[in-house]
């Protein structure tokens, strides 16, 4: 039984599909006013070492929508800023709250918290992976296409933490994933190796963005310089100059293709204004679905 969410690689195909279905159902229940307040009396601690808009607000809103209480903490609000061992923090927090949601840099930190805490731990983003984002993306694709079966996803840009989570998802669910990344910015090799040894998906590293989007149902991009990479911004703009999702690239994809971006977007860099605001873009529906997926996740982990 699922106890934590640290990485998509820890989930089965059935668990991912059940989570997406539950989020879709709870989205309807929220709209109709029939959502069960399954977190009544529960407290969720949100530890954010990295800043956030969508992740923080969607998790807080999910907790409150389900009748629980959210407790937000930055690194400066805790002894993390003074190098308290995470093993100690885990064993203290488990006595106060019912779940920990953490957004930080190192994947190892999330895994250490989970190893020592008896309460569920959720990875709300690390430099290695972003499982909640991709689960919400899968919900969005299912809503727009009706099914996740047989899809082709094209990733255009940096082989970053979100790309890593897409690789895990493709391997577990068995769909096609084309990754177009410039030299030196490919996804982590151990992630690709894991996917090839564990999964049934077709995962291809393709340098040419136009080849990657050919036949794609979904075109996905993200910022070229993530948090902590600001000093590399100019270098990255040069390296990624041929990897913008724009109208020219979109013309090489099927007309059915939808465009995803996990936001915030740098308009005019990784994605053009006309595509982001165009009819094939579903980025704001995608952002909304973070709420519904995280309601389903918290309900599963600690719901009554």
C-alpha atoms as a PDB file:
ATOM      1  CA  UNK A   1       0.000   0.000   0.000  1.00  0.00           C
ATOM      2  CA  UNK A   2       1.283   3.451  -0.889  1.00  0.00           C
ATOM      3  CA  UNK A   3       2.673   5.245   2.195  1.00  0.00           C
ATOM      4  CA  UNK A   4       4.708   8.121   0.705  1.00  0.00           C
ATOM      5  CA  UNK A   5       5.078   9.841  -2.654  1.00  0.00           C
ATOM      6  CA  UNK A   6       8.799  10.349  -3.203  1.00  0.00           C
ATOM      7  CA  UNK A   7       9.080   9.550  -6.916  1.00  0.00           C
ATOM      8  CA  UNK A   8       6.847   8.161  -9.643  1.00  0.00           C
ATOM      9  CA  UNK A   9       9.227   5.214  -9.938  1.00  0.00           C
ATOM     10  CA  UNK A  10       7.855   3.977  -6.602  1.00  0.00           C
ATOM     11  CA  UNK A  11       4.300   3.664  -7.969  1.00  0.00           C
ATOM     12  CA  UNK A  12       2.680   0.908  -9.989  1.00  0.00           C
ATOM     13  CA  UNK A  13       0.642   1.446 -13.136  1.00  0.00           C
ATOM     14  CA  UNK A  14      -2.522   0.668 -11.148  1.00  0.00           C
ATOM     15  CA  UNK A  15      -1.657   3.207  -8.424  1.00  0.00           C
ATOM     16  CA  UNK A  16      -1.048   5.987 -10.962  1.00  0.00           C
ATOM     17  CA  UNK A  17      -4.282   5.310 -12.821  1.00  0.00           C
ATOM     18  CA  UNK A  18      -6.261   5.051  -9.574  1.00  0.00           C
ATOM     19  CA  UNK A  19      -4.849   8.409  -8.448  1.00  0.00           C
ATOM     20  CA  UNK A  20      -5.797  10.090 -11.722  1.00  0.00           C
ATOM     21  CA  UNK A  21      -9.297   8.598 -11.600  1.00  0.00           C
ATOM     22  CA  UNK A  22      -9.740   9.683  -7.972  1.00  0.00           C
ATOM     23  CA  UNK A  23      -8.626  13.233  -8.804  1.00  0.00           C
ATOM     24  CA  UNK A  24     -11.085  13.377 -11.689  1.00  0.00           C
ATOM     25  CA  UNK A  25     -13.895  12.190  -9.413  1.00  0.00           C
ATOM     26  CA  UNK A  26     -13.021  14.618  -6.619  1.00  0.00           C
ATOM     27  CA  UNK A  27     -12.832  17.493  -9.095  1.00  0.00           C
ATOM     28  CA  UNK A  28     -16.452  16.771  -9.973  1.00  0.00           C
ATOM     29  CA  UNK A  29     -17.422  16.461  -6.316  1.00  0.00           C
ATOM     30  CA  UNK A  30     -15.834  19.822  -5.517  1.00  0.00           C
ATOM     31  CA  UNK A  31     -17.780  21.448  -8.356  1.00  0.00           C
ATOM     32  CA  UNK A  32     -21.065  19.895  -7.223  1.00  0.00           C
ATOM     33  CA  UNK A  33     -20.576  20.655  -3.533  1.00  0.00           C
ATOM     34  CA  UNK A  34     -20.458  16.978  -2.539  1.00  0.00           C
ATOM     35  CA  UNK A  35     -16.748  16.705  -1.713  1.00  0.00           C
ATOM     36  CA  UNK A  36     -16.201  14.696   1.487  1.00  0.00           C
ATOM     37  CA  UNK A  37     -14.097  16.526   4.105  1.00  0.00           C
ATOM     38  CA  UNK A  38     -11.875  13.547   4.733  1.00  0.00           C
ATOM     39  CA  UNK A  39      -9.018  15.509   6.349  1.00  0.00           C
ATOM     40  CA  UNK A  40     -11.111  16.900   9.202  1.00  0.00           C
ATOM     41  CA  UNK A  41      -8.915  16.975  12.296  1.00  0.00           C
ATOM     42  CA  UNK A  42      -5.722  16.380  10.267  1.00  0.00           C
ATOM     43  CA  UNK A  43      -2.693  18.708  10.049  1.00  0.00           C
ATOM     44  CA  UNK A  44      -0.343  18.757   7.054  1.00  0.00           C
ATOM     45  CA  UNK A  45       3.078  20.384   7.395  1.00  0.00           C
ATOM     46  CA  UNK A  46       4.349  22.149   4.266  1.00  0.00           C
ATOM     47  CA  UNK A  47       8.132  22.615   4.371  1.00  0.00           C
ATOM     48  CA  UNK A  48       9.293  24.789   1.469  1.00  0.00           C
ATOM     49  CA  UNK A  49      13.034  25.260   1.155  1.00  0.00           C
ATOM     50  CA  UNK A  50      12.405  26.398  -2.443  1.00  0.00           C
ATOM     51  CA  UNK A  51       9.830  29.142  -3.103  1.00  0.00           C
ATOM     52  CA  UNK A  52       6.607  28.389  -4.948  1.00  0.00           C
ATOM     53  CA  UNK A  53       3.289  29.776  -6.133  1.00  0.00           C
ATOM     54  CA  UNK A  54       1.288  26.892  -7.620  1.00  0.00           C
ATOM     55  CA  UNK A  55       2.671  24.117  -5.438  1.00  0.00           C
ATOM     56  CA  UNK A  56       2.191  25.950  -2.161  1.00  0.00           C
ATOM     57  CA  UNK A  57      -1.253  27.372  -2.914  1.00  0.00           C
ATOM     58  CA  UNK A  58      -2.583  24.164  -4.469  1.00  0.00           C
ATOM     59  CA  UNK A  59      -1.444  22.051  -1.513  1.00  0.00           C
ATOM     60  CA  UNK A  60      -2.796  24.515   1.059  1.00  0.00           C
ATOM     61  CA  UNK A  61      -6.087  24.745  -0.823  1.00  0.00           C
ATOM     62  CA  UNK A  62      -6.279  20.950  -1.093  1.00  0.00           C
ATOM     63  CA  UNK A  63      -5.859  20.572   2.668  1.00  0.00           C
ATOM     64  CA  UNK A  64      -8.485  23.223   3.424  1.00  0.00           C
ATOM     65  CA  UNK A  65     -10.939  21.897   0.806  1.00  0.00           C
ATOM     66  CA  UNK A  66     -10.793  18.527   2.557  1.00  0.00           C
ATOM     67  CA  UNK A  67     -11.356  20.046   5.992  1.00  0.00           C
ATOM     68  CA  UNK A  68      -7.805  19.861   7.316  1.00  0.00           C
ATOM     69  CA  UNK A  69      -5.292  22.439   8.492  1.00  0.00           C
ATOM     70  CA  UNK A  70      -2.071  23.369   6.674  1.00  0.00           C
ATOM     71  CA  UNK A  71       1.048  24.541   8.513  1.00  0.00           C
ATOM     72  CA  UNK A  72       3.473  26.355   6.182  1.00  0.00           C
ATOM     73  CA  UNK A  73       7.192  26.511   7.047  1.00  0.00           C
ATOM     74  CA  UNK A  74      10.209  27.865   5.192  1.00  0.00           C
ATOM     75  CA  UNK A  75      13.765  26.779   5.926  1.00  0.00           C
ATOM     76  CA  UNK A  76      14.189  29.958   7.989  1.00  0.00           C
ATOM     77  CA  UNK A  77      11.129  29.029  10.070  1.00  0.00           C
ATOM     78  CA  UNK A  78      12.726  25.751  11.127  1.00  0.00           C
ATOM     79  CA  UNK A  79      16.037  24.415  12.359  1.00  0.00           C
ATOM     80  CA  UNK A  80      16.810  23.231   8.806  1.00  0.00           C
ATOM     81  CA  UNK A  81      18.511  26.624   8.421  1.00  0.00           C
ATOM     82  CA  UNK A  82      20.807  25.641  11.318  1.00  0.00           C
ATOM     83  CA  UNK A  83      21.564  22.182   9.909  1.00  0.00           C
ATOM     84  CA  UNK A  84      19.363  20.136  12.221  1.00  0.00           C
ATOM     85  CA  UNK A  85      19.531  16.516  10.991  1.00  0.00           C
ATOM     86  CA  UNK A  86      16.479  15.603   8.945  1.00  0.00           C
ATOM     87  CA  UNK A  87      16.305  12.342  10.857  1.00  0.00           C
ATOM     88  CA  UNK A  88      15.699  14.328  14.048  1.00  0.00           C
ATOM     89  CA  UNK A  89      13.160  16.628  12.415  1.00  0.00           C
ATOM     90  CA  UNK A  90      11.219  13.646  11.045  1.00  0.00           C
ATOM     91  CA  UNK A  91      10.902  12.000  14.447  1.00  0.00           C
ATOM     92  CA  UNK A  92       9.761  15.244  16.050  1.00  0.00           C
ATOM     93  CA  UNK A  93       7.248  16.297  13.387  1.00  0.00           C
ATOM     94  CA  UNK A  94       5.576  12.877  13.324  1.00  0.00           C
ATOM     95  CA  UNK A  95       4.449  13.564  16.895  1.00  0.00           C
ATOM     96  CA  UNK A  96       2.761  16.855  15.962  1.00  0.00           C
ATOM     97  CA  UNK A  97       1.265  16.473  12.466  1.00  0.00           C
ATOM     98  CA  UNK A  98      -0.208  13.858  10.139  1.00  0.00           C
ATOM     99  CA  UNK A  99       1.828  14.301   6.933  1.00  0.00           C
ATOM    100  CA  UNK A 100       4.847  16.186   5.592  1.00  0.00           C
ATOM    101  CA  UNK A 101       4.944  17.862   2.170  1.00  0.00           C
ATOM    102  CA  UNK A 102       8.442  19.085   1.316  1.00  0.00           C
ATOM    103  CA  UNK A 103       9.821  21.132  -1.585  1.00  0.00           C
ATOM    104  CA  UNK A 104      13.598  21.218  -1.544  1.00  0.00           C
ATOM    105  CA  UNK A 105      16.772  20.720  -3.563  1.00  0.00           C
ATOM    106  CA  UNK A 106      18.102  17.221  -2.871  1.00  0.00           C
ATOM    107  CA  UNK A 107      16.071  14.072  -3.498  1.00  0.00           C
ATOM    108  CA  UNK A 108      18.131  12.445  -0.752  1.00  0.00           C
ATOM    109  CA  UNK A 109      16.614  14.863   1.795  1.00  0.00           C
ATOM    110  CA  UNK A 110      13.076  13.770   0.938  1.00  0.00           C
ATOM    111  CA  UNK A 111      14.076  10.127   1.134  1.00  0.00           C
ATOM    112  CA  UNK A 112      15.770  10.630   4.511  1.00  0.00           C
ATOM    113  CA  UNK A 113      12.665  12.283   5.950  1.00  0.00           C
ATOM    114  CA  UNK A 114      10.555   9.381   4.741  1.00  0.00           C
ATOM    115  CA  UNK A 115      12.995   6.822   6.145  1.00  0.00           C
ATOM    116  CA  UNK A 116      12.729   8.221   9.672  1.00  0.00           C
ATOM    117  CA  UNK A 117       9.143   9.550   9.765  1.00  0.00           C
ATOM    118  CA  UNK A 118       6.251   7.236  10.564  1.00  0.00           C
ATOM    119  CA  UNK A 119       3.851   9.647   8.820  1.00  0.00           C
ATOM    120  CA  UNK A 120       3.515  10.044   5.018  1.00  0.00           C
ATOM    121  CA  UNK A 121       6.063  12.234   3.210  1.00  0.00           C
ATOM    122  CA  UNK A 122       5.274  13.851  -0.149  1.00  0.00           C
ATOM    123  CA  UNK A 123       7.854  15.159  -2.611  1.00  0.00           C
ATOM    124  CA  UNK A 124       6.549  18.552  -3.736  1.00  0.00           C
ATOM    125  CA  UNK A 125       9.653  19.029  -5.966  1.00  0.00           C
ATOM    126  CA  UNK A 126      13.338  18.265  -5.808  1.00  0.00           C
ATOM    127  CA  UNK A 127      16.103  18.827  -8.332  1.00  0.00           C
ATOM    128  CA  UNK A 128      15.612  15.176  -9.308  1.00  0.00           C
ATOM    129  CA  UNK A 129      11.858  14.853  -9.723  1.00  0.00           C
ATOM    130  CA  UNK A 130       8.428  16.468  -9.532  1.00  0.00           C
ATOM    131  CA  UNK A 131       5.929  13.617  -9.206  1.00  0.00           C
ATOM    132  CA  UNK A 132       2.872  15.663  -8.193  1.00  0.00           C
ATOM    133  CA  UNK A 133       3.247  17.847 -11.277  1.00  0.00           C
ATOM    134  CA  UNK A 134       3.310  14.930 -13.696  1.00  0.00           C
ATOM    135  CA  UNK A 135       0.393  13.158 -12.002  1.00  0.00           C
ATOM    136  CA  UNK A 136      -1.670  16.335 -12.446  1.00  0.00           C
ATOM    137  CA  UNK A 137      -0.473  16.535 -16.057  1.00  0.00           C
ATOM    138  CA  UNK A 138      -1.703  13.001 -16.660  1.00  0.00           C
ATOM    139  CA  UNK A 139      -5.103  14.046 -15.305  1.00  0.00           C
ATOM    140  CA  UNK A 140      -5.122  16.955 -17.754  1.00  0.00           C
ATOM    141  CA  UNK A 141      -4.254  14.724 -20.708  1.00  0.00           C
ATOM    142  CA  UNK A 142      -6.956  12.210 -19.749  1.00  0.00           C
ATOM    143  CA  UNK A 143      -9.521  15.009 -19.550  1.00  0.00           C
ATOM    144  CA  UNK A 144      -8.581  16.372 -22.969  1.00  0.00           C
ATOM    145  CA  UNK A 145      -8.090  13.054 -24.788  1.00  0.00           C
ATOM    146  CA  UNK A 146     -10.411  10.756 -22.872  1.00  0.00           C
ATOM    147  CA  UNK A 147      -7.679   8.202 -22.205  1.00  0.00           C
ATOM    148  CA  UNK A 148      -3.977   7.790 -21.460  1.00  0.00           C
ATOM    149  CA  UNK A 149      -3.697   4.733 -23.671  1.00  0.00           C
ATOM    150  CA  UNK A 150      -1.388   4.983 -26.666  1.00  0.00           C
ATOM    151  CA  UNK A 151      -0.387   8.599 -26.192  1.00  0.00           C
ATOM    152  CA  UNK A 152       2.772  10.185 -27.551  1.00  0.00           C
ATOM    153  CA  UNK A 153       4.331  12.958 -25.477  1.00  0.00           C
ATOM    154  CA  UNK A 154       7.044  15.253 -26.845  1.00  0.00           C
ATOM    155  CA  UNK A 155       9.288  16.953 -24.308  1.00  0.00           C
ATOM    156  CA  UNK A 156      11.112  19.966 -25.779  1.00  0.00           C
ATOM    157  CA  UNK A 157      13.877  21.675 -23.790  1.00  0.00           C
ATOM    158  CA  UNK A 158      15.841  20.952 -20.645  1.00  0.00           C
ATOM    159  CA  UNK A 159      16.133  17.387 -19.382  1.00  0.00           C
ATOM    160  CA  UNK A 160      15.262  18.525 -15.865  1.00  0.00           C
ATOM    161  CA  UNK A 161      13.369  17.182 -12.860  1.00  0.00           C
ATOM    162  CA  UNK A 162      10.001  17.289 -14.620  1.00  0.00           C
ATOM    163  CA  UNK A 163      11.486  15.474 -17.614  1.00  0.00           C
ATOM    164  CA  UNK A 164      12.810  12.795 -15.239  1.00  0.00           C
ATOM    165  CA  UNK A 165       9.318  12.274 -13.847  1.00  0.00           C
ATOM    166  CA  UNK A 166       7.910  12.030 -17.377  1.00  0.00           C
ATOM    167  CA  UNK A 167      10.438   9.305 -18.137  1.00  0.00           C
ATOM    168  CA  UNK A 168       9.268   7.343 -15.100  1.00  0.00           C
ATOM    169  CA  UNK A 169       5.630   7.844 -16.119  1.00  0.00           C
ATOM    170  CA  UNK A 170       6.253   6.646 -19.690  1.00  0.00           C
ATOM    171  CA  UNK A 171       8.063   3.553 -18.461  1.00  0.00           C
ATOM    172  CA  UNK A 172       5.344   2.627 -15.960  1.00  0.00           C
ATOM    173  CA  UNK A 173       2.304   3.413 -18.117  1.00  0.00           C
ATOM    174  CA  UNK A 174       3.820   2.249 -21.391  1.00  0.00           C
ATOM    175  CA  UNK A 175       3.351   5.278 -23.643  1.00  0.00           C
ATOM    176  CA  UNK A 176       5.730   6.929 -26.125  1.00  0.00           C
ATOM    177  CA  UNK A 177       7.951   9.764 -24.918  1.00  0.00           C
ATOM    178  CA  UNK A 178      10.201  11.738 -27.281  1.00  0.00           C
ATOM    179  CA  UNK A 179      12.707  14.007 -25.547  1.00  0.00           C
ATOM    180  CA  UNK A 180      14.321  16.782 -27.604  1.00  0.00           C
ATOM    181  CA  UNK A 181      17.163  18.250 -25.559  1.00  0.00           C
ATOM    182  CA  UNK A 182      20.342  20.042 -26.683  1.00  0.00           C
ATOM    183  CA  UNK A 183      23.750  18.484 -26.111  1.00  0.00           C
ATOM    184  CA  UNK A 184      24.725  18.569 -22.462  1.00  0.00           C
ATOM    185  CA  UNK A 185      21.167  19.083 -21.210  1.00  0.00           C
ATOM    186  CA  UNK A 186      19.792  15.560 -21.521  1.00  0.00           C
ATOM    187  CA  UNK A 187      17.929  13.848 -18.649  1.00  0.00           C
ATOM    188  CA  UNK A 188      19.959  11.981 -16.039  1.00  0.00           C
ATOM    189  CA  UNK A 189      21.347   8.775 -17.531  1.00  0.00           C
ATOM    190  CA  UNK A 190      20.428   6.668 -14.511  1.00  0.00           C
ATOM    191  CA  UNK A 191      16.791   7.720 -14.959  1.00  0.00           C
ATOM    192  CA  UNK A 192      16.845   6.646 -18.616  1.00  0.00           C
ATOM    193  CA  UNK A 193      18.572   3.389 -17.694  1.00  0.00           C
ATOM    194  CA  UNK A 194      15.989   2.648 -14.986  1.00  0.00           C
ATOM    195  CA  UNK A 195      13.157   3.280 -17.442  1.00  0.00           C
ATOM    196  CA  UNK A 196      14.632   0.991 -20.068  1.00  0.00           C
ATOM    197  CA  UNK A 197      15.148  -1.824 -17.573  1.00  0.00           C
ATOM    198  CA  UNK A 198      11.823  -1.506 -15.740  1.00  0.00           C
ATOM    199  CA  UNK A 199       9.244  -0.216 -18.158  1.00  0.00           C
ATOM    200  CA  UNK A 200       7.287  -0.910 -21.290  1.00  0.00           C
ATOM    201  CA  UNK A 201       7.258   2.570 -22.763  1.00  0.00           C
ATOM    202  CA  UNK A 202       9.094   3.730 -25.860  1.00  0.00           C
ATOM    203  CA  UNK A 203      11.495   6.453 -24.706  1.00  0.00           C
ATOM    204  CA  UNK A 204      13.637   8.192 -27.314  1.00  0.00           C
ATOM    205  CA  UNK A 205      16.231  10.945 -27.006  1.00  0.00           C
ATOM    206  CA  UNK A 206      15.892  13.041 -30.165  1.00  0.00           C
ATOM    207  CA  UNK A 207      17.993  16.138 -30.853  1.00  0.00           C
ATOM    208  CA  UNK A 208      15.630  17.570 -33.469  1.00  0.00           C
ATOM    209  CA  UNK A 209      12.575  19.205 -31.875  1.00  0.00           C
ATOM    210  CA  UNK A 210      10.596  18.902 -35.140  1.00  0.00           C
ATOM    211  CA  UNK A 211      11.145  15.136 -35.202  1.00  0.00           C
ATOM    212  CA  UNK A 212      10.133  14.913 -31.549  1.00  0.00           C
ATOM    213  CA  UNK A 213       6.740  16.590 -32.091  1.00  0.00           C
ATOM    214  CA  UNK A 214       5.907  14.663 -35.271  1.00  0.00           C
ATOM    215  CA  UNK A 215       2.850  12.588 -34.349  1.00  0.00           C
ATOM    216  CA  UNK A 216       2.705  13.898 -30.774  1.00  0.00           C
ATOM    217  CA  UNK A 217      -0.533  14.179 -28.824  1.00  0.00           C
ATOM    218  CA  UNK A 218       1.128  16.360 -26.179  1.00  0.00           C
ATOM    219  CA  UNK A 219       3.918  18.932 -26.488  1.00  0.00           C
ATOM    220  CA  UNK A 220       5.513  19.875 -23.177  1.00  0.00           C
ATOM    221  CA  UNK A 221       8.128  22.460 -22.277  1.00  0.00           C
ATOM    222  CA  UNK A 222       9.563  24.084 -19.166  1.00  0.00           C
ATOM    223  CA  UNK A 223      11.856  26.981 -18.340  1.00  0.00           C
ATOM    224  CA  UNK A 224      15.412  26.737 -19.638  1.00  0.00           C
ATOM    225  CA  UNK A 225      16.966  27.862 -16.327  1.00  0.00           C
ATOM    226  CA  UNK A 226      15.343  26.496 -13.185  1.00  0.00           C
ATOM    227  CA  UNK A 227      15.703  27.785  -9.630  1.00  0.00           C
ATOM    228  CA  UNK A 228      19.360  27.734  -8.652  1.00  0.00           C
ATOM    229  CA  UNK A 229      20.525  28.003 -12.274  1.00  0.00           C
ATOM    230  CA  UNK A 230      20.146  31.768 -12.672  1.00  0.00           C
ATOM    231  CA  UNK A 231      23.895  32.202 -13.237  1.00  0.00           C
ATOM    232  CA  UNK A 232      23.596  29.941 -16.293  1.00  0.00           C
ATOM    233  CA  UNK A 233      20.690  31.825 -17.859  1.00  0.00           C
ATOM    234  CA  UNK A 234      22.610  33.446 -20.735  1.00  0.00           C
ATOM    235  CA  UNK A 235      24.533  30.263 -21.537  1.00  0.00           C
ATOM    236  CA  UNK A 236      21.306  28.299 -21.535  1.00  0.00           C
ATOM    237  CA  UNK A 237      19.504  30.795 -23.789  1.00  0.00           C
ATOM    238  CA  UNK A 238      22.217  30.229 -26.382  1.00  0.00           C
ATOM    239  CA  UNK A 239      22.162  26.452 -26.023  1.00  0.00           C
ATOM    240  CA  UNK A 240      18.360  26.243 -26.261  1.00  0.00           C
ATOM    241  CA  UNK A 241      17.850  28.714 -29.110  1.00  0.00           C
ATOM    242  CA  UNK A 242      16.447  26.014 -31.410  1.00  0.00           C
ATOM    243  CA  UNK A 243      14.133  24.520 -28.804  1.00  0.00           C
ATOM    244  CA  UNK A 244      11.385  27.101 -28.425  1.00  0.00           C
ATOM    245  CA  UNK A 245       7.795  25.861 -28.605  1.00  0.00           C
ATOM    246  CA  UNK A 246       6.391  28.331 -31.136  1.00  0.00           C
ATOM    247  CA  UNK A 247       3.920  28.381 -34.005  1.00  0.00           C
ATOM    248  CA  UNK A 248       6.499  27.020 -36.441  1.00  0.00           C
ATOM    249  CA  UNK A 249       7.172  23.988 -34.239  1.00  0.00           C
ATOM    250  CA  UNK A 250       3.464  23.509 -33.571  1.00  0.00           C
ATOM    251  CA  UNK A 251       2.813  23.429 -37.329  1.00  0.00           C
ATOM    252  CA  UNK A 252       4.964  20.289 -37.487  1.00  0.00           C
ATOM    253  CA  UNK A 253       2.733  18.479 -34.986  1.00  0.00           C
ATOM    254  CA  UNK A 254      -0.794  17.074 -35.441  1.00  0.00           C
ATOM    255  CA  UNK A 255      -3.602  19.601 -35.052  1.00  0.00           C
ATOM    256  CA  UNK A 256      -4.903  17.519 -32.119  1.00  0.00           C
ATOM    257  CA  UNK A 257      -1.759  18.166 -30.077  1.00  0.00           C
ATOM    258  CA  UNK A 258      -2.181  20.019 -26.793  1.00  0.00           C
ATOM    259  CA  UNK A 259       0.532  22.202 -25.273  1.00  0.00           C
ATOM    260  CA  UNK A 260       1.542  21.887 -21.615  1.00  0.00           C
ATOM    261  CA  UNK A 261       3.843  24.011 -19.477  1.00  0.00           C
ATOM    262  CA  UNK A 262       4.147  23.597 -15.705  1.00  0.00           C
ATOM    263  CA  UNK A 263       4.595  27.375 -15.215  1.00  0.00           C
ATOM    264  CA  UNK A 264       5.900  29.939 -14.526  1.00  0.00           C
ATOM    265  CA  UNK A 265       6.612  30.561 -18.206  1.00  0.00           C
ATOM    266  CA  UNK A 266       9.254  32.847 -19.666  1.00  0.00           C
ATOM    267  CA  UNK A 267       7.301  34.058 -22.665  1.00  0.00           C
ATOM    268  CA  UNK A 268       9.512  34.529 -25.669  1.00  0.00           C
ATOM    269  CA  UNK A 269      12.105  32.043 -24.380  1.00  0.00           C
ATOM    270  CA  UNK A 270      11.003  28.413 -24.067  1.00  0.00           C
ATOM    271  CA  UNK A 271       7.516  29.199 -25.392  1.00  0.00           C
ATOM    272  CA  UNK A 272       6.131  31.968 -27.570  1.00  0.00           C
ATOM    273  CA  UNK A 273       3.307  34.220 -26.420  1.00  0.00           C
ATOM    274  CA  UNK A 274       0.991  33.190 -29.255  1.00  0.00           C
ATOM    275  CA  UNK A 275       1.331  29.484 -28.453  1.00  0.00           C
ATOM    276  CA  UNK A 276       0.963  29.934 -24.697  1.00  0.00           C
ATOM    277  CA  UNK A 277      -2.233  31.929 -25.231  1.00  0.00           C
ATOM    278  CA  UNK A 278      -3.338  29.921 -28.272  1.00  0.00           C
ATOM    279  CA  UNK A 279      -6.167  27.399 -28.715  1.00  0.00           C
ATOM    280  CA  UNK A 280      -3.931  24.340 -28.256  1.00  0.00           C
ATOM    281  CA  UNK A 281      -2.572  25.537 -24.917  1.00  0.00           C
ATOM    282  CA  UNK A 282      -4.193  24.013 -21.816  1.00  0.00           C
ATOM    283  CA  UNK A 283      -1.671  25.345 -19.296  1.00  0.00           C
ATOM    284  CA  UNK A 284      -4.219  26.967 -16.979  1.00  0.00           C
ATOM    285  CA  UNK A 285      -6.413  23.860 -16.849  1.00  0.00           C
ATOM    286  CA  UNK A 286      -3.163  22.012 -16.165  1.00  0.00           C
ATOM    287  CA  UNK A 287      -2.348  24.370 -13.279  1.00  0.00           C
ATOM    288  CA  UNK A 288      -5.836  23.945 -11.807  1.00  0.00           C
ATOM    289  CA  UNK A 289      -5.454  20.188 -11.809  1.00  0.00           C
ATOM    290  CA  UNK A 290      -2.611  20.419  -9.305  1.00  0.00           C
ATOM    291  CA  UNK A 291      -5.333  21.121  -6.718  1.00  0.00           C
ATOM    292  CA  UNK A 292      -7.474  18.144  -7.640  1.00  0.00           C
ATOM    293  CA  UNK A 293      -4.607  15.677  -7.895  1.00  0.00           C
ATOM    294  CA  UNK A 294      -3.242  16.765  -4.524  1.00  0.00           C
ATOM    295  CA  UNK A 295      -6.680  16.414  -2.945  1.00  0.00           C
ATOM    296  CA  UNK A 296      -6.756  12.835  -4.204  1.00  0.00           C
ATOM    297  CA  UNK A 297      -3.207  12.200  -2.977  1.00  0.00           C
ATOM    298  CA  UNK A 298      -3.794  13.536   0.533  1.00  0.00           C
ATOM    299  CA  UNK A 299      -7.130  11.734   0.768  1.00  0.00           C
ATOM    300  CA  UNK A 300      -5.373   8.486  -0.097  1.00  0.00           C
ATOM    301  CA  UNK A 301      -2.493   9.006   2.319  1.00  0.00           C
ATOM    302  CA  UNK A 302      -4.269  10.342   5.409  1.00  0.00           C
ATOM    303  CA  UNK A 303      -7.992  10.641   4.589  1.00  0.00           C
ATOM    304  CA  UNK A 304     -10.515   9.231   7.031  1.00  0.00           C
END
